[in-house]
Amino acid sequence: MAMQIRDLRNPAIRAVRSDTTVMFVHTAPTYTPRFVGSAFLAILTIYFAVTTLYQWGSVQLADVQYGATRTFHADAFVGINDNATQPTHFVAMNVNHHIVIMQIPAGDTSKTRIINGPALTGANAANIPVLLNFRDTNNDTRVDMIVTAAGQSYVYMNRVDQFVLKPVEERATLYKP
């Protein structure tokens, strides 16, 4: 005659006893929906934690590269009140979602000009760096200024004494990055 004995502390192990021998049978645990739900919740929590950490790290890296106001500096010979030995210094900033460029010809701060650029839109517009590039885009032998922010480029044409933003319809035909 066989008798079954249940271990109340561990229901996965049960003893089967016959008249002459005692045999222990181990049953595999079953995965309940509660366990599967907990595992899914843990994976989802880890995903959101890693994503948040990555975004925070990206902002910190941009702070180190461009500063908290997202400032970019460049020197270029553009022919507006500069000379062969002193280039014009440009400071491009993202100030309250607006592009602002300071032009300091030949290091002379008394002739500083402020160029107001377009407004930036989007979720993290305050954290977008503004980059400057200088090249002749229309083959008139004057160096033009290309402002890049958030994947868009704005061409400022060199008009001998100042930079003027090129209209949208003409911008597409002049500059290909």
N, C-alpha and C. Protein backbone atom coordinates (compact mmCIF):
# COMPACT_ATOMS: atom_id res chain seq x y z
N MET A 1 0.84 -1.16 0.00
CA MET A 1 0.00 0.00 0.00
C MET A 1 0.89 1.24 0.00
N ALA A 2 0.59 2.20 -0.87
CA ALA A 2 1.40 3.41 -0.97
C ALA A 2 0.72 4.54 -0.23
N MET A 3 1.55 5.33 0.45
CA MET A 3 1.03 6.44 1.22
C MET A 3 1.77 7.71 0.76
N GLN A 4 1.07 8.78 0.57
CA GLN A 4 1.72 10.04 0.18
C GLN A 4 1.81 10.94 1.40
N ILE A 5 3.00 11.55 1.56
CA ILE A 5 3.23 12.47 2.65
C ILE A 5 3.59 13.82 2.03
N ARG A 6 2.91 14.86 2.37
CA ARG A 6 3.19 16.20 1.84
C ARG A 6 4.01 16.97 2.85
N ASP A 7 5.05 17.64 2.34
CA ASP A 7 5.85 18.53 3.18
C ASP A 7 5.21 19.90 3.08
N LEU A 8 4.68 20.39 4.14
CA LEU A 8 3.96 21.66 4.12
C LEU A 8 4.89 22.85 3.91
N ARG A 9 6.18 22.70 4.24
CA ARG A 9 7.12 23.80 4.06
C ARG A 9 7.50 23.97 2.59
N ASN A 10 7.58 22.88 1.84
CA ASN A 10 7.95 22.95 0.43
C ASN A 10 7.04 22.01 -0.34
N PRO A 11 5.97 22.55 -0.94
CA PRO A 11 5.02 21.67 -1.60
C PRO A 11 5.55 21.05 -2.89
N ALA A 12 6.70 21.52 -3.38
CA ALA A 12 7.24 20.95 -4.60
C ALA A 12 7.87 19.59 -4.36
N ILE A 13 8.20 19.26 -3.13
CA ILE A 13 8.81 17.96 -2.81
C ILE A 13 7.76 17.14 -2.06
N ARG A 14 7.53 15.96 -2.54
CA ARG A 14 6.61 15.09 -1.84
C ARG A 14 7.24 13.72 -1.69
N ALA A 15 6.90 13.07 -0.68
CA ALA A 15 7.45 11.74 -0.42
C ALA A 15 6.39 10.70 -0.75
N VAL A 16 6.81 9.74 -1.48
CA VAL A 16 5.95 8.61 -1.79
C VAL A 16 6.51 7.41 -1.02
N ARG A 17 5.70 6.77 -0.21
CA ARG A 17 6.18 5.70 0.65
C ARG A 17 5.40 4.43 0.36
N SER A 18 6.13 3.44 0.09
CA SER A 18 5.50 2.12 -0.03
C SER A 18 5.86 1.34 1.23
N ASP A 19 5.56 0.09 1.23
CA ASP A 19 5.82 -0.70 2.43
C ASP A 19 7.30 -0.87 2.70
N THR A 20 8.10 -0.90 1.67
CA THR A 20 9.51 -1.19 1.88
C THR A 20 10.46 -0.03 1.63
N THR A 21 10.12 0.92 0.76
CA THR A 21 11.03 2.01 0.42
C THR A 21 10.33 3.35 0.51
N VAL A 22 11.17 4.35 0.67
CA VAL A 22 10.67 5.73 0.65
C VAL A 22 11.32 6.43 -0.54
N MET A 23 10.54 7.05 -1.39
CA MET A 23 11.05 7.71 -2.59
C MET A 23 10.57 9.16 -2.57
N PHE A 24 11.50 10.10 -2.88
CA PHE A 24 11.16 11.53 -2.93
C PHE A 24 11.03 11.95 -4.38
N VAL A 25 9.96 12.56 -4.72
CA VAL A 25 9.70 13.02 -6.09
C VAL A 25 9.67 14.54 -6.06
N HIS A 26 10.47 15.16 -6.92
CA HIS A 26 10.52 16.64 -7.00
C HIS A 26 9.75 17.07 -8.23
N THR A 27 8.77 17.93 -8.06
CA THR A 27 8.02 18.44 -9.20
C THR A 27 8.54 19.82 -9.56
N ALA A 28 8.61 20.11 -10.85
CA ALA A 28 9.12 21.41 -11.33
C ALA A 28 8.14 22.51 -10.97
N PRO A 29 8.65 23.69 -10.62
CA PRO A 29 7.74 24.79 -10.28
C PRO A 29 7.01 25.27 -11.53
N THR A 30 5.83 25.74 -11.37
CA THR A 30 5.06 26.30 -12.47
C THR A 30 5.14 27.82 -12.38
N TYR A 31 5.16 28.46 -13.54
CA TYR A 31 5.23 29.92 -13.58
C TYR A 31 3.82 30.46 -13.58
N THR A 32 3.53 31.16 -12.56
CA THR A 32 2.18 31.71 -12.44
C THR A 32 2.11 33.05 -13.15
N PRO A 33 0.93 33.51 -13.47
CA PRO A 33 0.80 34.83 -14.11
C PRO A 33 1.36 35.96 -13.25
N ARG A 34 1.32 35.78 -11.94
CA ARG A 34 1.88 36.79 -11.05
C ARG A 34 3.39 36.91 -11.26
N PHE A 35 4.08 35.78 -11.43
CA PHE A 35 5.52 35.80 -11.66
C PHE A 35 5.84 36.45 -13.01
N VAL A 36 5.08 36.09 -14.04
CA VAL A 36 5.32 36.66 -15.38
C VAL A 36 5.06 38.17 -15.35
N GLY A 37 4.00 38.60 -14.68
CA GLY A 37 3.71 40.03 -14.58
C GLY A 37 4.79 40.78 -13.82
N SER A 38 5.31 40.17 -12.76
CA SER A 38 6.39 40.81 -11.99
C SER A 38 7.66 40.93 -12.82
N ALA A 39 7.97 39.89 -13.59
CA ALA A 39 9.16 39.94 -14.45
C ALA A 39 9.01 41.03 -15.52
N PHE A 40 7.83 41.12 -16.12
CA PHE A 40 7.59 42.16 -17.12
C PHE A 40 7.71 43.55 -16.52
N LEU A 41 7.17 43.74 -15.33
CA LEU A 41 7.25 45.03 -14.65
C LEU A 41 8.70 45.38 -14.31
N ALA A 42 9.49 44.40 -13.92
CA ALA A 42 10.90 44.64 -13.61
C ALA A 42 11.67 45.04 -14.87
N ILE A 43 11.42 44.37 -15.99
CA ILE A 43 12.10 44.71 -17.25
C ILE A 43 11.70 46.11 -17.71
N LEU A 44 10.43 46.44 -17.59
CA LEU A 44 9.96 47.77 -17.97
C LEU A 44 10.59 48.86 -17.10
N THR A 45 10.72 48.61 -15.82
CA THR A 45 11.34 49.56 -14.90
C THR A 45 12.82 49.76 -15.26
N ILE A 46 13.52 48.68 -15.57
CA ILE A 46 14.93 48.79 -15.96
C ILE A 46 15.06 49.59 -17.26
N TYR A 47 14.17 49.34 -18.21
CA TYR A 47 14.21 50.07 -19.48
C TYR A 47 14.06 51.58 -19.26
N PHE A 48 13.06 51.97 -18.46
CA PHE A 48 12.84 53.39 -18.21
C PHE A 48 13.99 54.00 -17.43
N ALA A 49 14.58 53.27 -16.52
CA ALA A 49 15.72 53.78 -15.75
C ALA A 49 16.92 54.02 -16.67
N VAL A 50 17.21 53.08 -17.56
CA VAL A 50 18.34 53.22 -18.48
C VAL A 50 18.09 54.37 -19.46
N THR A 51 16.87 54.49 -19.97
CA THR A 51 16.54 55.57 -20.90
C THR A 51 16.69 56.93 -20.23
N THR A 52 16.19 57.06 -19.02
CA THR A 52 16.30 58.32 -18.30
C THR A 52 17.76 58.66 -18.01
N LEU A 53 18.54 57.67 -17.63
CA LEU A 53 19.96 57.88 -17.37
C LEU A 53 20.69 58.31 -18.63
N TYR A 54 20.34 57.73 -19.78
CA TYR A 54 20.98 58.10 -21.05
C TYR A 54 20.64 59.55 -21.42
N GLN A 55 19.37 59.95 -21.27
CA GLN A 55 18.98 61.32 -21.59
C GLN A 55 19.68 62.31 -20.67
N TRP A 56 19.74 62.00 -19.40
CA TRP A 56 20.43 62.87 -18.45
C TRP A 56 21.91 62.99 -18.81
N GLY A 57 22.54 61.89 -19.18
CA GLY A 57 23.95 61.90 -19.57
C GLY A 57 24.18 62.72 -20.83
N SER A 58 23.25 62.67 -21.78
CA SER A 58 23.38 63.46 -23.01
C SER A 58 23.34 64.95 -22.71
N VAL A 59 22.45 65.36 -21.81
CA VAL A 59 22.38 66.78 -21.44
C VAL A 59 23.65 67.21 -20.72
N GLN A 60 24.16 66.36 -19.84
CA GLN A 60 25.39 66.69 -19.11
C GLN A 60 26.57 66.81 -20.07
N LEU A 61 26.66 65.93 -21.07
CA LEU A 61 27.74 65.99 -22.06
C LEU A 61 27.64 67.28 -22.88
N ALA A 62 26.42 67.67 -23.27
CA ALA A 62 26.25 68.93 -24.00
C ALA A 62 26.61 70.12 -23.13
N ASP A 63 26.31 70.04 -21.83
CA ASP A 63 26.72 71.11 -20.92
C ASP A 63 28.23 71.26 -20.88
N VAL A 64 28.94 70.15 -20.89
CA VAL A 64 30.41 70.19 -20.87
C VAL A 64 30.94 70.74 -22.20
N GLN A 65 30.35 70.32 -23.32
CA GLN A 65 30.84 70.74 -24.62
C GLN A 65 30.50 72.20 -24.95
N TYR A 66 29.25 72.62 -24.69
CA TYR A 66 28.80 73.92 -25.15
C TYR A 66 28.44 74.89 -24.03
N GLY A 67 28.45 74.43 -22.79
CA GLY A 67 28.06 75.29 -21.67
C GLY A 67 26.57 75.23 -21.44
N ALA A 68 26.14 75.79 -20.33
CA ALA A 68 24.72 75.72 -19.98
C ALA A 68 23.86 76.57 -20.91
N THR A 69 24.41 77.61 -21.52
CA THR A 69 23.64 78.43 -22.46
C THR A 69 23.86 78.00 -23.90
N ARG A 70 24.53 76.90 -24.10
CA ARG A 70 24.83 76.37 -25.44
C ARG A 70 25.53 77.43 -26.30
N THR A 71 26.78 77.73 -25.94
CA THR A 71 27.56 78.77 -26.60
C THR A 71 28.61 78.13 -27.51
N PHE A 72 28.76 78.68 -28.71
CA PHE A 72 29.73 78.20 -29.68
C PHE A 72 30.55 79.40 -30.17
N HIS A 73 31.88 79.26 -30.21
CA HIS A 73 32.78 80.34 -30.65
C HIS A 73 33.46 79.95 -31.96
N ALA A 74 33.66 80.94 -32.81
CA ALA A 74 34.38 80.70 -34.07
C ALA A 74 35.07 82.00 -34.50
N ASP A 75 36.20 81.85 -35.17
CA ASP A 75 36.92 82.97 -35.77
C ASP A 75 36.94 82.77 -37.28
N ALA A 76 36.70 83.85 -38.03
CA ALA A 76 36.71 83.75 -39.48
C ALA A 76 37.05 85.12 -40.08
N PHE A 77 37.72 85.07 -41.22
CA PHE A 77 38.00 86.29 -41.99
C PHE A 77 36.82 86.48 -42.95
N VAL A 78 35.94 87.44 -42.65
CA VAL A 78 34.75 87.63 -43.46
C VAL A 78 34.77 88.95 -44.24
N GLY A 79 35.72 89.82 -43.97
CA GLY A 79 35.84 91.06 -44.71
C GLY A 79 34.96 92.18 -44.20
N ILE A 80 34.37 92.05 -43.03
CA ILE A 80 33.56 93.13 -42.46
C ILE A 80 34.33 93.68 -41.26
N ASN A 81 35.02 94.78 -41.47
CA ASN A 81 35.82 95.47 -40.45
C ASN A 81 36.91 94.59 -39.82
N ASP A 82 37.35 93.56 -40.51
CA ASP A 82 38.49 92.80 -40.00
C ASP A 82 39.69 93.05 -40.92
N ASN A 83 40.84 92.57 -40.52
CA ASN A 83 42.03 92.76 -41.34
C ASN A 83 42.73 91.42 -41.51
N ALA A 84 43.86 91.43 -42.19
CA ALA A 84 44.56 90.18 -42.50
C ALA A 84 45.14 89.50 -41.27
N THR A 85 45.36 90.23 -40.19
CA THR A 85 45.95 89.63 -38.99
C THR A 85 44.94 89.33 -37.90
N GLN A 86 43.82 90.04 -37.87
CA GLN A 86 42.80 89.84 -36.84
C GLN A 86 41.49 89.38 -37.47
N PRO A 87 41.09 88.13 -37.25
CA PRO A 87 39.79 87.68 -37.80
C PRO A 87 38.63 88.22 -36.96
N THR A 88 37.45 88.10 -37.49
CA THR A 88 36.24 88.45 -36.76
C THR A 88 35.88 87.29 -35.84
N HIS A 89 35.54 87.60 -34.61
CA HIS A 89 35.17 86.57 -33.64
C HIS A 89 33.64 86.50 -33.57
N PHE A 90 33.09 85.30 -33.64
CA PHE A 90 31.65 85.08 -33.58
C PHE A 90 31.33 84.24 -32.37
N VAL A 91 30.26 84.61 -31.68
CA VAL A 91 29.75 83.84 -30.55
C VAL A 91 28.28 83.54 -30.86
N ALA A 92 27.97 82.26 -31.03
CA ALA A 92 26.60 81.84 -31.30
C ALA A 92 26.01 81.23 -30.04
N MET A 93 24.81 81.68 -29.67
CA MET A 93 24.19 81.21 -28.43
C MET A 93 22.73 80.84 -28.67
N ASN A 94 22.26 79.91 -27.86
CA ASN A 94 20.85 79.58 -27.79
C ASN A 94 20.34 80.19 -26.49
N VAL A 95 19.69 81.35 -26.59
CA VAL A 95 19.21 82.07 -25.42
C VAL A 95 17.69 82.02 -25.42
N ASN A 96 17.12 81.33 -24.46
CA ASN A 96 15.66 81.22 -24.34
C ASN A 96 15.00 80.81 -25.65
N HIS A 97 15.52 79.77 -26.28
CA HIS A 97 14.97 79.19 -27.51
C HIS A 97 15.16 80.08 -28.74
N HIS A 98 16.02 81.08 -28.67
CA HIS A 98 16.31 81.95 -29.81
C HIS A 98 17.80 81.90 -30.12
N ILE A 99 18.11 81.94 -31.40
CA ILE A 99 19.50 81.98 -31.83
C ILE A 99 19.97 83.43 -31.80
N VAL A 100 21.06 83.68 -31.09
CA VAL A 100 21.65 85.02 -31.01
C VAL A 100 23.12 84.88 -31.37
N ILE A 101 23.60 85.71 -32.30
CA ILE A 101 24.99 85.66 -32.74
C ILE A 101 25.62 87.02 -32.51
N MET A 102 26.75 87.02 -31.80
CA MET A 102 27.51 88.25 -31.61
C MET A 102 28.68 88.25 -32.59
N GLN A 103 28.82 89.33 -33.31
CA GLN A 103 29.91 89.49 -34.28
C GLN A 103 30.84 90.58 -33.75
N ILE A 104 32.11 90.20 -33.47
CA ILE A 104 33.10 91.14 -32.94
C ILE A 104 34.20 91.27 -33.99
N PRO A 105 34.16 92.33 -34.82
CA PRO A 105 35.13 92.47 -35.91
C PRO A 105 36.54 92.77 -35.40
N ALA A 106 37.48 91.97 -35.79
CA ALA A 106 38.91 92.14 -35.49
C ALA A 106 39.17 92.32 -34.00
N GLY A 107 38.34 91.73 -33.16
CA GLY A 107 38.54 91.83 -31.72
C GLY A 107 38.18 93.17 -31.12
N ASP A 108 37.63 94.08 -31.91
CA ASP A 108 37.26 95.41 -31.43
C ASP A 108 35.83 95.36 -30.88
N THR A 109 35.71 95.32 -29.56
CA THR A 109 34.39 95.17 -28.94
C THR A 109 33.49 96.40 -29.11
N SER A 110 34.06 97.54 -29.46
CA SER A 110 33.24 98.73 -29.66
C SER A 110 32.41 98.62 -30.95
N LYS A 111 32.77 97.71 -31.84
CA LYS A 111 32.04 97.53 -33.10
C LYS A 111 31.20 96.24 -33.09
N THR A 112 30.90 95.74 -31.93
CA THR A 112 30.15 94.49 -31.82
C THR A 112 28.74 94.64 -32.38
N ARG A 113 28.32 93.64 -33.16
CA ARG A 113 26.97 93.61 -33.72
C ARG A 113 26.25 92.37 -33.21
N ILE A 114 24.98 92.51 -33.00
CA ILE A 114 24.14 91.39 -32.58
C ILE A 114 23.27 90.99 -33.76
N ILE A 115 23.32 89.72 -34.11
CA ILE A 115 22.50 89.18 -35.19
C ILE A 115 21.44 88.29 -34.54
N ASN A 116 20.18 88.68 -34.66
CA ASN A 116 19.10 87.88 -34.11
C ASN A 116 18.69 86.81 -35.13
N GLY A 117 18.70 85.58 -34.66
CA GLY A 117 18.34 84.47 -35.52
C GLY A 117 16.93 84.00 -35.27
N PRO A 118 16.55 82.92 -35.91
CA PRO A 118 15.19 82.40 -35.73
C PRO A 118 14.99 81.75 -34.36
N ALA A 119 13.75 81.56 -34.00
CA ALA A 119 13.40 80.89 -32.75
C ALA A 119 13.46 79.38 -32.97
N LEU A 120 13.86 78.67 -31.94
CA LEU A 120 13.91 77.21 -31.99
C LEU A 120 12.67 76.64 -31.33
N THR A 121 12.13 75.59 -31.91
CA THR A 121 10.95 74.95 -31.35
C THR A 121 11.25 73.49 -31.09
N GLY A 122 10.45 72.87 -30.27
CA GLY A 122 10.61 71.46 -29.99
C GLY A 122 10.67 71.19 -28.51
N ALA A 123 10.77 69.92 -28.17
CA ALA A 123 10.72 69.49 -26.77
C ALA A 123 11.90 70.02 -25.96
N ASN A 124 13.11 69.90 -26.47
CA ASN A 124 14.30 70.34 -25.74
C ASN A 124 14.97 71.49 -26.47
N ALA A 125 14.21 72.47 -26.88
CA ALA A 125 14.76 73.58 -27.68
C ALA A 125 15.80 74.38 -26.91
N ALA A 126 15.72 74.43 -25.60
CA ALA A 126 16.70 75.19 -24.81
C ALA A 126 18.05 74.49 -24.76
N ASN A 127 18.10 73.21 -25.08
CA ASN A 127 19.34 72.45 -25.01
C ASN A 127 19.99 72.21 -26.37
N ILE A 128 19.48 72.82 -27.42
CA ILE A 128 20.03 72.61 -28.77
C ILE A 128 21.23 73.53 -28.98
N PRO A 129 22.40 72.98 -29.32
CA PRO A 129 23.55 73.84 -29.60
C PRO A 129 23.42 74.48 -30.99
N VAL A 130 24.00 75.67 -31.12
CA VAL A 130 24.01 76.41 -32.39
C VAL A 130 25.44 76.37 -32.91
N LEU A 131 25.62 75.91 -34.14
CA LEU A 131 26.95 75.79 -34.74
C LEU A 131 27.07 76.75 -35.92
N LEU A 132 28.28 77.24 -36.15
CA LEU A 132 28.55 78.16 -37.26
C LEU A 132 29.55 77.54 -38.22
N ASN A 133 29.34 77.83 -39.49
CA ASN A 133 30.26 77.40 -40.53
C ASN A 133 30.38 78.57 -41.52
N PHE A 134 31.56 78.75 -42.08
CA PHE A 134 31.77 79.89 -42.97
C PHE A 134 32.30 79.38 -44.30
N ARG A 135 31.59 79.77 -45.39
CA ARG A 135 32.05 79.47 -46.76
C ARG A 135 31.27 80.33 -47.74
N ASP A 136 31.79 80.43 -48.92
CA ASP A 136 31.16 81.22 -49.97
C ASP A 136 30.10 80.34 -50.64
N THR A 137 28.83 80.63 -50.38
CA THR A 137 27.76 79.78 -50.90
C THR A 137 27.23 80.22 -52.26
N ASN A 138 27.47 81.47 -52.64
CA ASN A 138 26.92 81.96 -53.90
C ASN A 138 27.99 82.45 -54.87
N ASN A 139 29.25 82.10 -54.63
CA ASN A 139 30.38 82.42 -55.52
C ASN A 139 30.52 83.92 -55.80
N ASP A 140 30.37 84.76 -54.76
CA ASP A 140 30.57 86.20 -54.93
C ASP A 140 31.88 86.65 -54.27
N THR A 141 32.74 85.73 -53.92
CA THR A 141 34.06 85.92 -53.28
C THR A 141 33.96 86.46 -51.85
N ARG A 142 32.77 86.55 -51.28
CA ARG A 142 32.61 86.94 -49.88
C ARG A 142 32.15 85.72 -49.08
N VAL A 143 32.74 85.55 -47.91
CA VAL A 143 32.43 84.41 -47.07
C VAL A 143 31.08 84.61 -46.40
N ASP A 144 30.18 83.63 -46.56
CA ASP A 144 28.86 83.68 -45.97
C ASP A 144 28.85 82.84 -44.69
N MET A 145 27.88 83.10 -43.83
CA MET A 145 27.79 82.40 -42.56
C MET A 145 26.61 81.42 -42.61
N ILE A 146 26.88 80.17 -42.25
CA ILE A 146 25.86 79.13 -42.21
C ILE A 146 25.64 78.77 -40.74
N VAL A 147 24.43 78.98 -40.28
CA VAL A 147 24.06 78.69 -38.89
C VAL A 147 23.27 77.38 -38.88
N THR A 148 23.73 76.42 -38.08
CA THR A 148 23.07 75.12 -38.01
C THR A 148 22.58 74.87 -36.59
N ALA A 149 21.30 74.53 -36.48
CA ALA A 149 20.70 74.20 -35.18
C ALA A 149 19.55 73.24 -35.42
N ALA A 150 19.49 72.21 -34.62
CA ALA A 150 18.40 71.22 -34.68
C ALA A 150 18.25 70.61 -36.07
N GLY A 151 19.35 70.39 -36.76
CA GLY A 151 19.30 69.76 -38.07
C GLY A 151 18.90 70.69 -39.20
N GLN A 152 18.69 71.95 -38.94
CA GLN A 152 18.34 72.91 -39.98
C GLN A 152 19.47 73.90 -40.17
N SER A 153 19.67 74.33 -41.40
CA SER A 153 20.71 75.30 -41.71
C SER A 153 20.08 76.60 -42.19
N TYR A 154 20.64 77.70 -41.73
CA TYR A 154 20.21 79.04 -42.13
C TYR A 154 21.42 79.74 -42.72
N VAL A 155 21.26 80.27 -43.92
CA VAL A 155 22.36 80.93 -44.61
C VAL A 155 22.23 82.44 -44.45
N TYR A 156 23.28 83.05 -43.91
CA TYR A 156 23.35 84.51 -43.79
C TYR A 156 24.35 84.99 -44.84
N MET A 157 23.87 85.77 -45.79
CA MET A 157 24.69 86.24 -46.89
C MET A 157 25.52 87.45 -46.44
N ASN A 158 26.76 87.49 -46.87
CA ASN A 158 27.67 88.59 -46.57
C ASN A 158 27.39 89.72 -47.56
N ARG A 159 26.86 90.82 -47.06
CA ARG A 159 26.51 91.97 -47.90
C ARG A 159 27.48 93.12 -47.66
N VAL A 160 28.75 92.89 -47.68
CA VAL A 160 29.85 93.83 -47.53
C VAL A 160 29.91 94.45 -46.14
N ASP A 161 28.80 94.89 -45.58
CA ASP A 161 28.85 95.54 -44.27
C ASP A 161 28.03 94.81 -43.20
N GLN A 162 27.27 93.80 -43.58
CA GLN A 162 26.48 93.05 -42.61
C GLN A 162 26.07 91.70 -43.18
N PHE A 163 25.61 90.82 -42.29
CA PHE A 163 25.07 89.53 -42.71
C PHE A 163 23.56 89.62 -42.75
N VAL A 164 22.96 89.09 -43.84
CA VAL A 164 21.52 89.14 -44.05
C VAL A 164 21.02 87.72 -44.27
N LEU A 165 19.95 87.35 -43.55
CA LEU A 165 19.38 86.01 -43.69
C LEU A 165 18.76 85.86 -45.07
N LYS A 166 19.14 84.79 -45.73
CA LYS A 166 18.63 84.51 -47.06
C LYS A 166 17.20 83.99 -46.96
N PRO A 167 16.28 84.42 -47.83
CA PRO A 167 14.91 83.93 -47.80
C PRO A 167 14.84 82.41 -48.01
N VAL A 168 13.78 81.80 -47.53
CA VAL A 168 13.64 80.34 -47.57
C VAL A 168 13.68 79.81 -48.99
N GLU A 169 13.00 80.45 -49.91
CA GLU A 169 12.96 79.93 -51.28
C GLU A 169 14.33 79.95 -51.96
N GLU A 170 15.18 80.90 -51.62
CA GLU A 170 16.52 80.96 -52.20
C GLU A 170 17.51 80.08 -51.44
N ARG A 171 17.24 79.80 -50.17
CA ARG A 171 18.13 79.00 -49.34
C ARG A 171 18.30 77.58 -49.88
N ALA A 172 17.23 77.00 -50.38
CA ALA A 172 17.29 75.62 -50.85
C ALA A 172 18.18 75.48 -52.07
N THR A 173 18.32 76.53 -52.89
CA THR A 173 19.14 76.43 -54.10
C THR A 173 20.60 76.75 -53.84
N LEU A 174 20.93 77.42 -52.74
CA LEU A 174 22.31 77.86 -52.50
C LEU A 174 23.17 76.85 -51.78
N TYR A 175 22.68 76.27 -50.73
CA TYR A 175 23.54 75.51 -49.83
C TYR A 175 23.05 74.09 -49.68
N LYS A 176 23.92 73.17 -49.96
CA LYS A 176 23.66 71.74 -49.73
C LYS A 176 24.73 71.25 -48.78
N PRO A 177 24.34 70.85 -47.54
CA PRO A 177 25.35 70.42 -46.56
C PRO A 177 26.11 69.18 -46.97
